[in-house]
Amino acid sequence: FKFGTDLLAGLEKTIAQEHIKNAVILSAFGSVRGYQLHMVSNRDLPSKILFVKNPTAPADIIGMSGMVMNGRVHPHITLANGDEAFGGHLEPETTVFTFAVVTLGVLDDSLDMSRFDDSSYR
């Protein structure tokens, strides 16, 4: 992805264009101009979500993991700046700076991964 791209929107667009139904996010690297993430902020279900946003803070992309489940992307990203490494669920308004390279391992369409991120599924 190139300068100024919204990273989440770019992932979603590429996955749709390439007709990817199921995949594993294997890695990512590059940098961002600003970010928005969310993470859990409690220890009991239901989970409570904390949003962390800094639209003017540059950071390096250290990694990304997650899955594409029936065309729906669930990405977790790790970022770092001069002081710390941090991460969470990738949100809109995380914009690419120099570039961002994301690697997917595409899986068979016949897999049923629809409940992999369902906290009520045991």
C-alpha atoms as a PDB file:
ATOM      1  CA  PHE A   1       0.000   0.000   0.000  1.00  0.00           C
ATOM      2  CA  LYS A   2       1.202   3.512  -0.838  1.00  0.00           C
ATOM      3  CA  PHE A   3       1.412   6.856   0.996  1.00  0.00           C
ATOM      4  CA  GLY A   4      -1.912   8.097   2.377  1.00  0.00           C
ATOM      5  CA  THR A   5      -3.826   4.817   2.016  1.00  0.00           C
ATOM      6  CA  ASP A   6      -6.180   3.927   4.846  1.00  0.00           C
ATOM      7  CA  LEU A   7      -4.642   0.562   5.748  1.00  0.00           C
ATOM      8  CA  LEU A   8      -7.863  -1.168   6.852  1.00  0.00           C
ATOM      9  CA  ALA A   9      -9.836   0.071   3.830  1.00  0.00           C
ATOM     10  CA  GLY A  10      -6.975  -0.980   1.557  1.00  0.00           C
ATOM     11  CA  LEU A  11      -6.950  -4.483   3.023  1.00  0.00           C
ATOM     12  CA  GLU A  12     -10.727  -4.805   2.693  1.00  0.00           C
ATOM     13  CA  LYS A  13     -10.670  -3.541  -0.905  1.00  0.00           C
ATOM     14  CA  THR A  14      -7.850  -5.877  -1.949  1.00  0.00           C
ATOM     15  CA  ILE A  15      -9.483  -8.901  -0.299  1.00  0.00           C
ATOM     16  CA  ALA A  16     -12.742  -8.153  -2.128  1.00  0.00           C
ATOM     17  CA  GLN A  17     -11.019  -7.502  -5.496  1.00  0.00           C
ATOM     18  CA  GLU A  18      -9.040 -10.734  -5.259  1.00  0.00           C
ATOM     19  CA  HIS A  19     -12.125 -12.711  -4.153  1.00  0.00           C
ATOM     20  CA  ILE A  20     -10.312 -13.986  -1.050  1.00  0.00           C
ATOM     21  CA  LYS A  21     -12.746 -15.795   1.226  1.00  0.00           C
ATOM     22  CA  ASN A  22     -10.395 -17.282   3.843  1.00  0.00           C
ATOM     23  CA  ALA A  23      -6.816 -16.378   4.715  1.00  0.00           C
ATOM     24  CA  VAL A  24      -4.277 -15.983   7.500  1.00  0.00           C
ATOM     25  CA  ILE A  25      -2.480 -12.656   7.890  1.00  0.00           C
ATOM     26  CA  LEU A  26       1.149 -13.752   8.096  1.00  0.00           C
ATOM     27  CA  SER A  27       3.103 -10.495   8.415  1.00  0.00           C
ATOM     28  CA  ALA A  28       3.305  -6.791   7.675  1.00  0.00           C
ATOM     29  CA  PHE A  29       5.937  -4.071   7.641  1.00  0.00           C
ATOM     30  CA  GLY A  30       6.191  -0.417   6.700  1.00  0.00           C
ATOM     31  CA  SER A  31       5.099   2.759   8.475  1.00  0.00           C
ATOM     32  CA  VAL A  32       2.052   4.864   9.274  1.00  0.00           C
ATOM     33  CA  ARG A  33       1.421   8.625   9.556  1.00  0.00           C
ATOM     34  CA  GLY A  34      -1.162   8.166  12.294  1.00  0.00           C
ATOM     35  CA  TYR A  35      -3.247   5.387  13.737  1.00  0.00           C
ATOM     36  CA  GLN A  36      -6.424   4.237  15.388  1.00  0.00           C
ATOM     37  CA  LEU A  37      -6.612   0.918  17.198  1.00  0.00           C
ATOM     38  CA  HIS A  38      -8.956  -0.758  19.622  1.00  0.00           C
ATOM     39  CA  MET A  39      -8.279  -3.284  22.337  1.00  0.00           C
ATOM     40  CA  VAL A  40     -10.092  -4.967  25.196  1.00  0.00           C
ATOM     41  CA  SER A  41     -10.043  -3.085  28.491  1.00  0.00           C
ATOM     42  CA  ASN A  42     -11.479  -5.652  30.908  1.00  0.00           C
ATOM     43  CA  ARG A  43     -11.133  -9.310  31.854  1.00  0.00           C
ATOM     44  CA  ASP A  44     -14.717 -10.603  31.897  1.00  0.00           C
ATOM     45  CA  LEU A  45     -17.266 -11.164  29.133  1.00  0.00           C
ATOM     46  CA  PRO A  46     -18.737  -9.215  27.575  1.00  0.00           C
ATOM     47  CA  SER A  47     -15.587  -7.420  26.536  1.00  0.00           C
ATOM     48  CA  LYS A  48     -15.290  -3.651  26.796  1.00  0.00           C
ATOM     49  CA  ILE A  49     -13.453  -1.872  24.018  1.00  0.00           C
ATOM     50  CA  LEU A  50     -10.885   0.908  24.419  1.00  0.00           C
ATOM     51  CA  PHE A  51     -10.043   3.026  21.342  1.00  0.00           C
ATOM     52  CA  VAL A  52      -6.568   4.526  21.005  1.00  0.00           C
ATOM     53  CA  LYS A  53      -6.213   7.194  18.328  1.00  0.00           C
ATOM     54  CA  ASN A  54      -3.399   9.510  17.359  1.00  0.00           C
ATOM     55  CA  PRO A  55      -3.836  10.830  13.805  1.00  0.00           C
ATOM     56  CA  THR A  56      -0.546  12.748  13.832  1.00  0.00           C
ATOM     57  CA  ALA A  57       1.809  10.199  15.412  1.00  0.00           C
ATOM     58  CA  PRO A  58       4.105   8.356  12.981  1.00  0.00           C
ATOM     59  CA  ALA A  59       5.074   4.768  13.786  1.00  0.00           C
ATOM     60  CA  ASP A  60       6.708   1.757  12.195  1.00  0.00           C
ATOM     61  CA  ILE A  61       4.626  -1.316  11.432  1.00  0.00           C
ATOM     62  CA  ILE A  62       6.373  -4.136  13.285  1.00  0.00           C
ATOM     63  CA  GLY A  63       3.889  -6.860  12.413  1.00  0.00           C
ATOM     64  CA  MET A  64       0.338  -7.889  11.734  1.00  0.00           C
ATOM     65  CA  SER A  65      -1.596 -11.068  12.357  1.00  0.00           C
ATOM     66  CA  GLY A  66      -5.181 -12.149  12.119  1.00  0.00           C
ATOM     67  CA  MET A  67      -7.513 -13.819   9.673  1.00  0.00           C
ATOM     68  CA  VAL A  68      -9.878 -13.321   6.798  1.00  0.00           C
ATOM     69  CA  MET A  69     -13.050 -15.261   7.585  1.00  0.00           C
ATOM     70  CA  ASN A  70     -15.657 -15.528   4.835  1.00  0.00           C
ATOM     71  CA  GLY A  71     -14.306 -12.303   3.320  1.00  0.00           C
ATOM     72  CA  ARG A  72     -14.296 -10.395   6.608  1.00  0.00           C
ATOM     73  CA  VAL A  73     -10.888  -9.212   7.793  1.00  0.00           C
ATOM     74  CA  HIS A  74      -9.896  -9.348  11.485  1.00  0.00           C
ATOM     75  CA  PRO A  75      -6.425  -7.732  11.660  1.00  0.00           C
ATOM     76  CA  HIS A  76      -4.254  -7.126  14.724  1.00  0.00           C
ATOM     77  CA  ILE A  77      -1.322  -4.754  14.219  1.00  0.00           C
ATOM     78  CA  THR A  78       1.842  -4.026  16.203  1.00  0.00           C
ATOM     79  CA  LEU A  79       3.340  -0.549  15.885  1.00  0.00           C
ATOM     80  CA  ALA A  80       6.448   1.045  17.400  1.00  0.00           C
ATOM     81  CA  ASN A  81       7.837   4.533  17.853  1.00  0.00           C
ATOM     82  CA  GLY A  82      10.951   5.798  19.633  1.00  0.00           C
ATOM     83  CA  ASP A  83       9.462   5.109  23.045  1.00  0.00           C
ATOM     84  CA  GLU A  84       7.348   1.944  22.888  1.00  0.00           C
ATOM     85  CA  ALA A  85       5.779  -0.883  20.934  1.00  0.00           C
ATOM     86  CA  PHE A  86       1.996  -1.200  21.106  1.00  0.00           C
ATOM     87  CA  GLY A  87      -0.832  -2.765  19.212  1.00  0.00           C
ATOM     88  CA  GLY A  88      -4.428  -3.812  18.917  1.00  0.00           C
ATOM     89  CA  HIS A  89      -7.176  -4.318  16.357  1.00  0.00           C
ATOM     90  CA  LEU A  90      -6.538  -2.223  13.251  1.00  0.00           C
ATOM     91  CA  GLU A  91      -9.145   0.540  12.821  1.00  0.00           C
ATOM     92  CA  PRO A  92      -9.927   3.084  10.085  1.00  0.00           C
ATOM     93  CA  GLU A  93      -7.735   6.208   9.995  1.00  0.00           C
ATOM     94  CA  THR A  94      -4.489   4.256  10.219  1.00  0.00           C
ATOM     95  CA  THR A  95      -2.813   5.852   7.209  1.00  0.00           C
ATOM     96  CA  VAL A  96       0.246   4.587   5.385  1.00  0.00           C
ATOM     97  CA  PHE A  97       3.407   6.706   5.407  1.00  0.00           C
ATOM     98  CA  THR A  98       6.329   5.272   3.388  1.00  0.00           C
ATOM     99  CA  PHE A  99       4.595   2.020   2.357  1.00  0.00           C
ATOM    100  CA  ALA A 100       2.891  -0.977   3.943  1.00  0.00           C
ATOM    101  CA  VAL A 101       3.370  -4.562   2.827  1.00  0.00           C
ATOM    102  CA  VAL A 102       0.915  -7.161   4.151  1.00  0.00           C
ATOM    103  CA  THR A 103       1.338 -10.886   3.430  1.00  0.00           C
ATOM    104  CA  LEU A 104      -1.654 -13.234   3.381  1.00  0.00           C
ATOM    105  CA  GLY A 105      -1.692 -17.014   3.271  1.00  0.00           C
ATOM    106  CA  VAL A 106      -4.826 -17.801   1.268  1.00  0.00           C
ATOM    107  CA  LEU A 107      -6.804 -20.828   2.472  1.00  0.00           C
ATOM    108  CA  ASP A 108      -9.394 -23.037   0.802  1.00  0.00           C
ATOM    109  CA  ASP A 109     -12.830 -21.474   0.298  1.00  0.00           C
ATOM    110  CA  SER A 110     -14.544 -24.566   1.711  1.00  0.00           C
ATOM    111  CA  LEU A 111     -13.292 -23.938   5.262  1.00  0.00           C
ATOM    112  CA  ASP A 112     -15.886 -22.747   7.758  1.00  0.00           C
ATOM    113  CA  MET A 113     -14.052 -20.069   9.737  1.00  0.00           C
ATOM    114  CA  SER A 114     -17.162 -17.989  10.429  1.00  0.00           C
ATOM    115  CA  ARG A 115     -17.016 -18.371  14.228  1.00  0.00           C
ATOM    116  CA  PHE A 116     -13.273 -18.217  14.847  1.00  0.00           C
ATOM    117  CA  ASP A 117     -13.565 -14.770  16.473  1.00  0.00           C
ATOM    118  CA  ASP A 118     -16.912 -15.367  18.211  1.00  0.00           C
ATOM    119  CA  SER A 119     -16.315 -15.159  21.988  1.00  0.00           C
ATOM    120  CA  SER A 120     -19.516 -17.107  22.666  1.00  0.00           C
ATOM    121  CA  TYR A 121     -18.355 -20.074  20.541  1.00  0.00           C
ATOM    122  CA  ARG A 122     -16.705 -22.713  22.688  1.00  0.00           C
END
